[in-house]
Protein backbone atom coordinates (compact mmCIF):
# COMPACT_ATOMS: atom_id res chain seq x y z
CA MET A 1 128.98 103.14 116.76
CA LYS A 2 129.00 104.10 113.12
CA HIS A 3 130.17 101.50 110.75
CA PRO A 4 132.29 102.66 107.79
CA HIS A 5 130.66 102.36 104.40
CA THR A 6 133.33 102.16 101.62
CA ALA A 7 132.21 102.35 98.06
CA PRO A 8 133.76 103.28 94.71
CA PRO A 9 133.28 106.92 93.72
CA ARG A 10 129.91 107.71 92.56
CA ARG A 11 127.50 110.56 91.43
CA PRO A 12 126.39 112.98 94.17
CA PHE A 13 123.23 111.75 95.85
CA ARG A 14 120.48 113.95 97.30
CA LEU A 15 117.45 112.47 98.95
CA LEU A 16 114.10 113.97 99.36
CA THR A 17 110.85 112.38 100.59
CA CYS A 18 107.84 112.68 98.44
CA LEU A 19 105.74 112.17 101.61
CA ALA A 20 105.42 115.89 102.13
CA LEU A 21 103.61 115.75 98.85
CA GLY A 22 101.53 112.81 99.92
CA LEU A 23 102.90 110.77 97.13
CA GLY A 24 104.15 107.73 99.11
CA CYS A 25 107.23 107.36 96.90
CA LEU A 26 110.78 108.70 96.78
CA THR A 27 112.14 111.43 94.63
CA ALA A 28 115.71 111.67 93.45
CA GLY A 29 117.05 115.15 92.86
CA ALA A 30 116.59 116.40 89.34
CA SER A 31 119.67 116.73 87.17
CA ALA A 32 120.66 116.79 83.57
CA ASP A 33 121.26 112.95 83.92
CA GLU A 34 117.88 111.51 84.61
CA PRO A 35 117.54 107.72 84.39
CA HIS A 36 115.47 106.08 81.69
CA VAL A 37 112.54 104.33 83.47
CA PHE A 38 110.77 101.13 82.30
CA SER A 39 107.91 99.27 84.02
CA HIS A 40 106.41 95.91 83.33
CA GLU A 41 103.74 93.73 84.86
CA SER A 42 103.57 89.99 84.98
CA VAL A 43 107.33 89.31 85.17
CA MET A 44 108.13 86.34 87.24
CA GLY A 45 104.62 86.56 88.69
CA THR A 46 105.02 90.10 89.89
CA SER A 47 105.98 93.71 88.72
CA LEU A 48 109.27 94.88 87.34
CA GLU A 49 110.71 98.38 87.50
CA LEU A 50 113.97 99.30 85.89
CA ARG A 51 115.92 102.53 85.86
CA VAL A 52 118.93 102.93 83.55
CA TRP A 53 121.59 105.53 83.49
CA ALA A 54 122.90 105.43 79.95
CA ASP A 55 124.43 107.64 77.23
CA GLY A 56 121.17 107.91 75.25
CA ARG A 57 117.72 106.40 75.09
CA ASP A 58 118.66 103.69 72.57
CA LEU A 59 121.28 102.28 74.82
CA ALA A 60 118.88 102.35 77.79
CA ARG A 61 116.34 100.41 75.61
CA ASP A 62 119.05 98.05 74.79
CA ALA A 63 119.75 97.46 78.52
CA GLU A 64 115.97 96.91 79.02
CA ALA A 65 115.92 94.26 76.27
CA ARG A 66 118.93 92.58 77.86
CA VAL A 67 117.40 92.49 81.25
CA LEU A 68 114.18 90.96 79.94
CA GLY A 69 115.83 88.54 77.57
CA GLU A 70 118.00 87.21 80.59
CA ILE A 71 114.98 86.89 82.70
CA ASP A 72 113.22 84.85 79.96
CA ARG A 73 116.29 82.70 79.43
CA LEU A 74 116.72 81.78 83.06
CA SER A 75 113.01 81.32 83.58
CA THR A 76 113.10 78.54 81.03
CA ILE A 77 115.66 76.94 83.34
CA LEU A 78 114.51 77.68 86.83
CA SER A 79 110.88 78.17 86.78
CA GLY A 80 108.68 75.82 88.96
CA TYR A 81 105.62 76.93 87.16
CA ASP A 82 106.66 75.99 83.76
CA PRO A 83 106.26 72.25 83.22
CA ASN A 84 108.68 72.41 80.50
CA SER A 85 111.54 74.23 82.26
CA GLU A 86 114.76 72.46 83.05
CA PHE A 87 113.99 72.34 86.72
CA SER A 88 110.56 70.79 86.11
CA ARG A 89 111.91 68.26 83.83
CA TRP A 90 114.69 67.39 86.10
CA ARG A 91 112.25 66.97 89.04
CA ARG A 92 110.36 64.34 87.09
CA ALA A 93 113.41 62.19 86.78
CA THR A 94 113.38 60.96 90.26
CA GLY A 95 116.38 58.81 91.13
CA ARG A 96 118.37 59.31 88.08
CA PRO A 97 121.49 61.61 88.12
CA LEU A 98 121.38 64.03 85.25
CA ALA A 99 123.82 66.57 83.99
CA VAL A 100 122.22 70.00 84.67
CA SER A 101 122.95 73.51 83.36
CA PRO A 102 125.35 75.69 85.25
CA SER A 103 122.52 77.93 86.52
CA LEU A 104 120.47 75.08 87.93
CA TRP A 105 123.62 73.62 89.52
CA ASP A 106 124.50 76.94 91.06
CA LEU A 107 121.03 77.17 92.68
CA LEU A 108 120.89 73.56 93.95
CA GLN A 109 124.33 74.21 95.57
CA ALA A 110 123.28 77.51 97.10
CA ALA A 111 119.99 75.95 98.39
CA ASP A 112 122.07 73.12 100.06
CA ALA A 113 124.44 75.67 101.70
CA TRP A 114 121.68 77.89 103.10
CA ARG A 115 119.81 74.82 104.39
CA THR A 116 122.90 73.82 106.32
CA ARG A 117 123.74 77.37 107.46
CA SER A 118 120.29 78.14 108.60
CA ALA A 119 119.87 74.75 110.52
CA GLY A 120 116.96 73.86 108.26
CA ALA A 121 115.06 77.11 108.44
CA PHE A 122 115.66 77.39 104.57
CA ASP A 123 114.51 74.31 102.71
CA PRO A 124 113.15 73.96 99.09
CA ARG A 125 111.06 70.97 100.27
CA VAL A 126 108.85 73.36 102.25
CA GLU A 127 106.65 73.58 98.95
CA ILE A 128 104.78 70.45 100.34
CA LEU A 129 103.51 72.50 103.19
CA SER A 130 102.41 75.43 100.86
CA LYS A 131 100.50 72.92 98.83
CA LEU A 132 98.90 71.31 101.98
CA TRP A 133 97.81 74.75 103.33
CA THR A 134 96.50 76.02 99.98
CA GLU A 135 94.32 72.96 99.67
CA SER A 136 93.14 73.28 103.30
CA ALA A 137 92.37 76.98 103.00
CA ALA A 138 90.19 76.36 99.93
CA ASN A 139 88.14 74.13 102.22
CA GLY A 140 87.95 76.78 104.93
CA ARG A 141 90.06 74.97 107.45
CA GLU A 142 93.67 74.65 108.67
CA PRO A 143 95.49 71.37 108.01
CA SER A 144 95.03 68.66 110.54
CA ALA A 145 97.86 67.44 112.84
CA ASP A 146 97.95 64.12 111.06
CA ALA A 147 98.23 65.72 107.62
CA THR A 148 101.03 67.98 108.82
CA ARG A 149 102.97 65.07 110.41
CA GLN A 150 102.64 63.19 106.99
CA ALA A 151 103.97 66.13 105.12
CA LEU A 152 106.87 66.55 107.57
CA ASP A 153 107.75 62.83 107.09
CA VAL A 154 107.94 63.36 103.29
CA LEU A 155 109.83 66.64 103.76
CA ALA A 156 112.43 64.91 105.85
CA ARG A 157 113.56 62.68 103.00
CA PRO A 158 116.77 63.79 101.01
CA ALA A 159 115.69 65.99 98.11
CA TRP A 160 118.55 65.55 95.86
CA ARG A 161 122.11 64.31 95.54
CA LEU A 162 124.93 66.33 93.90
CA ASP A 163 128.01 64.86 92.27
CA ALA A 164 130.55 67.68 91.93
CA ASP A 165 132.97 65.41 89.91
CA ALA A 166 130.38 64.42 87.35
CA ARG A 167 128.34 67.67 87.56
CA THR A 168 125.23 65.78 87.90
CA ALA A 169 122.22 66.12 90.11
CA ALA A 170 119.82 63.32 91.18
CA PRO A 171 116.36 64.08 92.46
CA LEU A 172 115.72 61.61 95.28
CA SER A 173 112.24 62.23 96.56
CA GLU A 174 108.61 62.87 95.28
CA CYS A 175 108.36 65.76 97.71
CA PRO A 176 107.34 68.92 95.83
CA LEU A 177 110.23 71.40 95.52
CA SER A 178 110.46 75.08 94.93
CA LEU A 179 113.56 77.29 94.35
CA ASN A 180 111.33 80.38 94.38
CA ALA A 181 112.96 81.73 97.68
CA ILE A 182 116.29 81.94 95.99
CA ALA A 183 115.91 81.89 92.33
CA LYS A 184 114.28 85.39 91.77
CA GLY A 185 117.39 86.97 93.48
CA TYR A 186 119.75 84.96 91.28
CA ILE A 187 117.89 86.00 88.20
CA VAL A 188 117.83 89.66 89.08
CA GLU A 189 121.57 89.62 89.52
CA ARG A 190 122.16 87.88 86.24
CA ALA A 191 119.93 90.28 84.45
CA CYS A 192 121.77 93.17 85.79
CA ASP A 193 125.05 91.66 84.66
CA ALA A 194 123.72 91.21 81.20
CA ALA A 195 122.48 94.94 80.99
CA MET A 196 125.81 96.32 82.31
CA LYS A 197 127.57 94.74 79.28
CA VAL A 198 125.95 97.27 76.93
CA GLY A 199 128.60 99.87 76.16
CA GLY A 200 127.44 103.34 77.37
CA VAL A 201 125.24 101.88 80.26
CA ARG A 202 126.74 103.42 83.39
CA GLY A 203 124.41 102.06 86.05
CA LEU A 204 120.92 100.66 86.80
CA VAL A 205 118.45 99.82 89.54
CA LEU A 206 116.39 96.70 88.90
CA ASN A 207 113.47 95.99 91.17
CA VAL A 208 111.39 92.76 90.56
CA GLY A 209 108.61 92.53 93.16
CA GLY A 210 110.60 94.16 95.86
CA ASP A 211 113.82 92.06 95.20
CA LEU A 212 116.11 94.64 93.79
CA ARG A 213 119.74 95.49 92.84
CA ALA A 214 121.64 98.75 92.35
CA VAL A 215 124.74 98.42 90.22
CA GLY A 216 127.35 100.64 88.44
CA GLU A 217 127.03 104.44 88.89
CA ALA A 218 123.43 104.17 90.17
CA VAL A 219 122.71 104.81 93.77
CA GLY A 220 119.53 103.53 94.86
CA ALA A 221 117.36 105.35 97.34
CA ILE A 222 115.10 102.65 98.58
CA GLY A 223 111.96 102.88 100.86
CA VAL A 224 111.50 100.00 103.08
CA VAL A 225 107.86 99.21 103.35
CA ASP A 226 106.45 98.49 106.80
CA PRO A 227 105.05 94.97 106.40
CA LEU A 228 102.29 95.88 109.11
CA ALA A 229 101.05 98.70 106.88
CA ASP A 230 101.81 97.69 103.21
CA SER A 231 100.15 99.79 100.57
CA GLU A 232 101.50 101.83 97.72
CA SER A 233 101.02 105.12 99.60
CA SER A 234 102.32 103.89 103.03
CA THR A 235 104.98 105.90 104.63
CA PRO A 236 108.20 103.92 104.36
CA LEU A 237 109.51 102.40 107.53
CA THR A 238 112.85 103.77 106.74
CA VAL A 239 115.07 104.68 103.65
CA ILE A 240 118.30 103.02 102.79
CA GLU A 241 121.02 104.03 100.25
CA VAL A 242 122.94 101.07 98.55
CA HIS A 243 125.49 100.92 95.92
CA ASP A 244 126.46 97.60 94.06
CA ARG A 245 124.27 95.78 96.51
CA ALA A 246 121.07 93.72 96.50
CA VAL A 247 118.14 94.19 98.68
CA ALA A 248 115.38 91.59 99.25
CA SER A 249 112.28 91.65 101.43
CA SER A 250 110.09 88.83 102.57
CA GLY A 251 106.98 88.79 104.75
CA ARG A 252 103.33 87.99 105.24
CA SER A 253 101.82 91.34 104.12
CA GLN A 254 101.04 90.46 100.50
CA ARG A 255 100.58 86.67 100.37
CA GLY A 256 99.15 84.06 102.94
CA PHE A 257 96.02 82.16 103.94
CA SER A 258 92.89 83.69 105.48
CA ILE A 259 91.10 80.94 107.35
CA ASN A 260 88.05 81.67 109.71
CA GLY A 261 89.07 85.36 110.07
CA ARG A 262 92.74 84.70 110.98
CA TRP A 263 95.59 85.48 108.70
CA HIS A 264 98.47 82.94 108.18
CA SER A 265 101.68 83.75 106.54
CA HIS A 266 102.69 81.89 103.30
CA ILE A 267 106.21 81.37 104.94
CA PHE A 268 106.57 78.13 106.78
CA ASP A 269 109.02 76.75 109.36
CA PRO A 270 110.19 73.53 107.63
CA ARG A 271 111.16 72.18 111.17
CA THR A 272 107.66 72.52 112.61
CA GLY A 273 105.36 72.58 109.55
CA GLN A 274 103.68 75.65 110.79
CA PRO A 275 103.31 79.16 109.27
CA VAL A 276 105.68 81.79 110.85
CA GLU A 277 104.08 84.09 113.46
CA ALA A 278 106.64 85.97 115.39
CA VAL A 279 108.09 87.91 112.47
CA ALA A 280 106.01 90.09 110.11
CA GLY A 281 108.83 90.73 107.64
CA ALA A 282 112.48 91.10 106.98
CA THR A 283 114.62 93.19 104.62
CA ILE A 284 118.18 92.15 103.79
CA VAL A 285 121.02 94.00 102.08
CA ALA A 286 123.70 91.77 100.67
CA PRO A 287 126.49 91.81 98.02
CA ARG A 288 124.86 88.90 96.21
CA SER A 289 121.20 88.80 95.23
CA ALA A 290 120.60 85.10 95.80
CA ASP A 291 121.97 85.36 99.30
CA ALA A 292 119.80 88.47 100.07
CA ASP A 293 116.80 86.42 98.73
CA ALA A 294 117.45 83.35 100.83
CA LEU A 295 118.37 85.35 104.04
CA ALA A 296 114.99 87.34 103.68
CA THR A 297 113.08 84.09 104.05
CA ILE A 298 115.30 82.64 106.77
CA CYS A 299 114.96 85.83 108.91
CA ASN A 300 111.19 85.28 108.90
CA VAL A 301 111.71 81.75 110.31
CA LEU A 302 114.43 81.88 112.87
CA THR A 303 114.22 83.85 116.08
CA PRO A 304 115.61 87.44 115.91
CA ASP A 305 118.74 86.54 117.85
CA GLU A 306 119.42 83.60 115.60
CA SER A 307 118.82 85.76 112.47
CA LEU A 308 121.23 88.45 113.74
CA ARG A 309 123.98 85.94 114.35
CA LEU A 310 123.55 84.37 110.86
CA VAL A 311 123.41 87.88 109.15
CA ASP A 312 126.41 89.27 111.08
CA ALA A 313 128.38 86.06 110.11
CA THR A 314 127.62 86.71 106.36
CA ALA A 315 130.06 89.11 104.76
CA ASP A 316 128.71 92.61 104.25
CA ALA A 317 125.12 91.52 105.07
CA ALA A 318 122.75 93.58 106.98
CA CYS A 319 119.04 93.08 108.07
CA LEU A 320 115.93 94.92 109.41
CA ILE A 321 113.36 92.65 110.96
CA VAL A 322 109.96 93.77 111.75
CA LEU A 323 108.26 91.66 114.55
CA ALA A 324 104.52 90.92 114.67
CA ASP A 325 104.09 93.27 117.52
CA GLY A 326 105.74 96.13 115.62
CA ARG A 327 109.07 96.23 117.18
CA THR A 328 112.04 96.46 114.91
CA VAL A 329 115.56 94.64 115.04
CA ARG A 330 118.37 95.82 113.13
CA SER A 331 121.78 94.03 112.69
CA ALA A 332 125.04 95.72 113.39
CA ARG A 333 125.74 96.72 109.69
CA TRP A 334 122.33 98.11 108.97
CA ALA A 335 123.59 101.70 109.98
CA ARG A 336 125.86 101.45 106.92
CA TYR A 337 122.93 101.76 104.60
CA GLU A 338 120.12 103.61 106.62
CA HIS A 339 119.78 107.21 105.71
CA PRO A 340 120.11 109.22 108.83
CA ALA A 341 118.08 112.13 107.55
CA PHE A 342 114.99 110.04 107.19
CA ALA A 343 114.72 109.83 110.99
CA GLN A 344 113.20 113.34 110.77
CA SER A 345 109.58 113.97 110.08
CA ALA A 346 108.23 111.90 107.34
CA ALA A 347 105.79 114.65 106.64
CA SER A 348 108.30 117.08 105.31
CA PRO A 349 111.40 117.09 102.94
CA VAL A 350 114.53 116.12 104.65
CA GLY A 351 116.06 118.92 106.58
CA GLN A 352 112.96 121.00 106.13
CA GLU A 353 109.83 121.85 107.97
CA PRO A 354 106.78 122.18 105.69
CA LYS A 355 105.77 125.81 105.17
CA PRO A 356 102.36 126.50 106.60
CA ALA A 357 99.65 126.93 103.91
CA LYS A 358 98.70 130.58 103.33
CA ALA A 359 95.52 131.16 105.14
CA GLU A 360 92.66 132.18 102.91
CA LYS A 361 90.53 135.19 103.75
CA SER A 362 86.98 134.37 104.46
CA THR A 363 84.20 136.60 103.38
CA GLU A 364 81.86 135.33 105.85
CA ALA A 365 81.80 136.76 109.30
CA GLU A 366 81.59 133.46 110.98
CA LYS A 367 82.12 130.13 109.26
CA PRO A 368 81.66 126.99 111.38
CA ALA A 369 84.63 124.71 111.38
CA ALA A 370 84.14 121.29 109.72
CA ALA A 371 84.28 118.15 111.83
CA PRO A 372 87.84 116.95 111.90
CA TRP A 373 88.78 113.68 110.10
CA ASN A 374 87.98 110.56 112.15
CA ALA A 375 91.53 109.36 113.09
CA GLY A 376 90.26 105.78 113.44
CA TYR A 377 89.18 105.60 109.72
CA GLU A 378 90.94 105.41 106.43
CA LEU A 379 90.09 105.23 102.73
CA ALA A 380 91.52 102.22 100.75
CA VAL A 381 91.44 102.23 96.90
CA ASP A 382 92.16 98.78 95.34
CA PHE A 383 92.68 98.73 91.62
CA GLU A 384 93.98 96.21 88.98
CA ILE A 385 95.72 97.37 85.78
CA ASN A 386 94.33 95.72 82.63
CA ASN A 387 96.64 93.34 80.69
CA PRO A 388 96.43 94.45 77.07
CA SER A 389 98.35 91.38 75.91
CA ASP A 390 97.52 87.69 75.99
CA ALA A 391 96.87 86.19 79.37
CA GLY A 392 100.12 85.48 81.24
CA ARG A 393 102.35 87.57 79.05
CA ARG A 394 104.24 90.57 80.48
CA TYR A 395 102.94 94.08 79.54
CA ARG A 396 104.08 97.63 80.09
CA ARG A 397 102.50 99.62 82.95
CA PRO A 398 100.73 102.84 81.85
CA TYR A 399 101.23 106.13 83.65
CA VAL A 400 98.99 106.04 86.53
CA ALA A 401 97.82 108.88 89.01
CA VAL A 402 95.57 108.51 92.07
CA TRP A 403 94.72 111.56 94.13
CA VAL A 404 91.90 113.22 96.15
CA GLU A 405 90.20 116.56 95.57
CA ASP A 406 87.81 118.59 97.80
CA LYS A 407 84.25 119.54 96.64
CA GLU A 408 85.58 122.64 95.13
CA GLY A 409 87.97 120.70 92.88
CA ARG A 410 91.14 121.74 94.78
CA PRO A 411 93.73 118.94 95.22
CA VAL A 412 94.00 117.63 98.78
CA ARG A 413 96.35 114.53 98.66
CA ASN A 414 98.34 113.02 95.90
CA LEU A 415 98.64 109.36 96.53
CA ILE A 416 100.58 107.94 93.74
CA LEU A 417 102.16 109.02 90.39
CA TRP A 418 103.83 106.31 88.34
CA LEU A 419 105.80 107.25 85.20
CA SER A 420 107.66 105.04 82.87
CA GLN A 421 109.75 105.44 79.70
CA GLY A 422 108.21 107.47 76.89
CA GLY A 423 109.80 108.22 73.54
CA ALA A 424 111.96 111.07 74.84
CA GLY A 425 111.87 110.42 78.51
CA PRO A 426 109.73 109.64 81.52
CA PHE A 427 107.76 112.91 81.22
CA GLN A 428 106.78 112.89 77.60
CA TRP A 429 103.27 111.48 78.06
CA VAL A 430 102.46 113.20 81.37
CA PRO A 431 100.13 115.71 79.66
CA ASP A 432 98.00 112.67 78.74
CA LEU A 433 96.99 112.55 82.45
CA LYS A 434 94.60 115.20 81.47
CA ARG A 435 93.02 116.40 84.81
CA TRP A 436 96.26 115.84 86.70
CA TYR A 437 98.15 117.99 84.22
CA ARG A 438 95.55 120.65 84.01
CA ALA A 439 95.50 121.03 87.74
CA ASP A 440 99.19 121.90 87.46
CA GLN A 441 100.07 119.35 90.18
CA LEU A 442 102.97 117.83 88.47
CA ARG A 443 104.81 121.11 87.44
CA LYS A 444 104.29 122.65 90.73
CA GLN A 445 105.13 119.80 93.08
CA THR A 446 107.83 117.95 91.16
CA ASP A 447 109.60 120.74 89.34
CA LYS A 448 110.36 118.21 86.68
CA ARG A 449 111.86 115.74 89.09
CA GLU A 450 111.40 112.09 88.34
CA MET A 451 108.99 110.43 90.61
CA ILE A 452 110.87 107.30 91.90
CA PHE A 453 108.88 104.24 92.80
CA THR A 454 111.62 102.02 94.40
CA MET A 455 110.31 100.22 97.32
CA ALA A 456 111.63 97.01 99.08
CA ARG A 457 108.60 94.91 100.02
CA ALA A 458 107.19 91.47 100.01
CA THR A 459 106.43 90.14 96.59
CA ARG A 460 102.88 90.94 95.31
CA ALA A 461 100.69 89.76 92.45
CA PRO A 462 101.24 91.59 89.03
CA GLY A 463 99.14 94.49 88.32
CA LYS A 464 97.13 94.54 91.59
CA TYR A 465 97.66 97.52 93.94
CA LYS A 466 96.30 99.09 97.11
CA VAL A 467 96.37 102.71 97.93
CA VAL A 468 95.37 103.92 101.43
CA TRP A 469 94.46 107.59 102.33
CA ASP A 470 95.01 108.20 105.99
CA GLY A 471 93.09 111.42 105.91
CA LYS A 472 96.12 113.63 105.79
CA ASN A 473 96.50 116.51 103.24
CA ASP A 474 99.69 117.23 101.15
CA LEU A 475 101.18 119.20 104.24
CA GLY A 476 100.71 116.26 106.50
CA LYS A 477 97.65 117.75 108.32
CA LEU A 478 94.40 115.90 108.85
CA ALA A 479 91.72 117.05 106.41
CA PRO A 480 88.17 117.59 107.77
CA GLN A 481 85.28 115.13 107.31
CA GLY A 482 83.14 116.03 104.23
CA ASP A 483 82.67 115.59 100.48
CA TYR A 484 85.63 114.47 98.37
CA THR A 485 86.25 113.11 94.93
CA ILE A 486 88.64 110.15 94.29
CA PHE A 487 90.43 110.11 90.89
CA ILE A 488 92.21 107.17 89.12
CA GLU A 489 93.80 108.26 85.85
CA ALA A 490 95.82 106.10 83.55
CA ALA A 491 97.34 106.96 80.08
CA ARG A 492 99.41 104.45 77.96
CA GLU A 493 102.11 105.46 75.59
CA HIS A 494 100.60 105.38 72.10
CA GLY A 495 97.51 104.06 73.77
CA THR A 496 94.38 105.31 75.44
CA TYR A 497 93.64 107.83 78.26
CA GLN A 498 91.12 106.61 80.93
CA SER A 499 89.65 108.17 83.99
CA ILE A 500 87.73 106.90 86.89
CA ARG A 501 86.24 109.45 89.49
CA LYS A 502 84.06 108.87 92.45
CA ASP A 503 82.37 111.42 94.63
CA VAL A 504 82.30 110.32 98.26
CA THR A 505 81.24 111.69 101.74
CA LEU A 506 83.76 110.68 104.42
CA ALA A 507 82.27 110.98 107.90
CA ALA A 508 81.36 108.24 110.38
CA THR A 509 79.72 105.78 108.15
CA PRO A 510 81.87 103.12 106.47
CA PHE A 511 81.05 101.85 103.03
CA THR A 512 82.46 99.78 100.18
CA GLU A 513 81.72 100.44 96.48
CA ASP A 514 82.94 98.82 93.30
CA LEU A 515 83.75 101.17 90.42
CA LYS A 516 83.42 100.54 86.76
CA GLY A 517 86.65 99.48 85.06
CA ASN A 518 87.90 100.66 81.66
CA VAL A 519 90.43 99.79 79.09
CA GLU A 520 93.48 100.58 81.22
CA ILE A 521 92.11 99.94 84.85
CA LYS A 522 90.40 96.48 84.85
CA SER A 523 88.59 97.05 88.13
CA ALA A 524 88.64 99.38 91.29
CA THR A 525 87.04 99.28 94.72
CA ILE A 526 86.91 101.98 97.38
CA GLU A 527 86.47 101.26 100.94
CA TYR A 528 85.94 103.74 103.78
CA ARG A 529 86.58 101.75 106.85
CA ARG A 530 88.00 101.61 110.31
CA LYS A 531 91.74 101.08 110.30
CA PRO A 532 92.20 97.42 110.38
CA GLU A 533 94.42 95.62 112.98
CA PRO A 534 97.61 94.22 111.55
CA LYS A 535 97.28 90.69 110.14
CA LYS A 536 97.86 88.23 112.86
């Protein structure tokens, strides 16, 4: 049964999938009203992407400044990493009731509410388990049963006491605390609110490490990453369309503990003290960002049936849960947001079949066919963007393109193209991606449409990315084994142009090779390998 999805009038929306182009991203239909695009690294420990629909570039930059300013302001209040934040200082005042800021009060109240509603599946005291496993993993072992019991004993003690009349909060335990599972969503929403106060700003989509929000006239086409196959070029599990909504994802694909060849999630069940195993990841849509953030964690901990009951009982919330065995579970309201056209072939634009490539006439009487791609193999490209600023400070992400050419220099597969705001718009500096531009790939394949990189996924570290080539060309067909060249290009606005290229032979012999970094790309590694099993 279809659920009605009511929303205020908004601009027409047209969805295409870039997957036909091998880009692993989404493309919004081109129009005269393109969003202004801004990308930053090292924001709240991850990456930030912002799209602003505004009446001019200066207003869009004002909105960007408001977003970053509000994030900085709230981080000085809520950060658990900054020893001078209000939260950190409050934590050190064990046993003493203190007047706290409205933002900290809101989050402490919200954390209490979700701990109660989830029957203990959500609990800021779970930080003690994270610290225990981090220390044990550094020593190559899992925590002992005794150490886990001791941690659970500490975790069971009351964390704080709130006095609503006096508006004070008293920390009651020495147990480590973290508000990370709810604070990022809260900050994202407040940052959006701040930007929308700029006159002439009509809408925006803010994505901070996979926690995102679409507000105003903006309609976000959001690819939901499969937590069992999470890379920048992975085919989205599905695509959703949201308006004035928050989206949050949590799962074990990006963070966790590898101990003796086994992968353990960084998400813990506070009731048992163990990493979650049954769920690989969850994505939530909700009106409020803090609620979406909290529910994304909770739906990794509870059983699927428990999660569905909780999400269905939360006003206008919906969820998609991916189990460790690959099965998916959708809540009743998920159909409101899921784009029905995406159910068609991910290898072609929505509603279209790819046109077959025009066959080239061979001058040879007989030309032996090359051996087909070994379907059990893939090529992984890991790279890290250099931080041009001081350590720990945020920085703008450069334009980046990663693609594959055959031995004749013809493009085979485009893996990613990331653009961000230039002086006159997101395309101003594209010619600085010299080989990409010379090959005429951008103009032929995008027709001046903006390449949208808006994906809901588990939070990752800033500046570190993985791209996986599955052997398919831009038409979705498997390429043959043989000789190829891997390109990584980066160009920074008013900065440098850098290129990394590597000739490789892809057949049946796996290999790993580190590539020399440069000013923009700190390091890169390519690995031709058997397709790995999902992390278990």
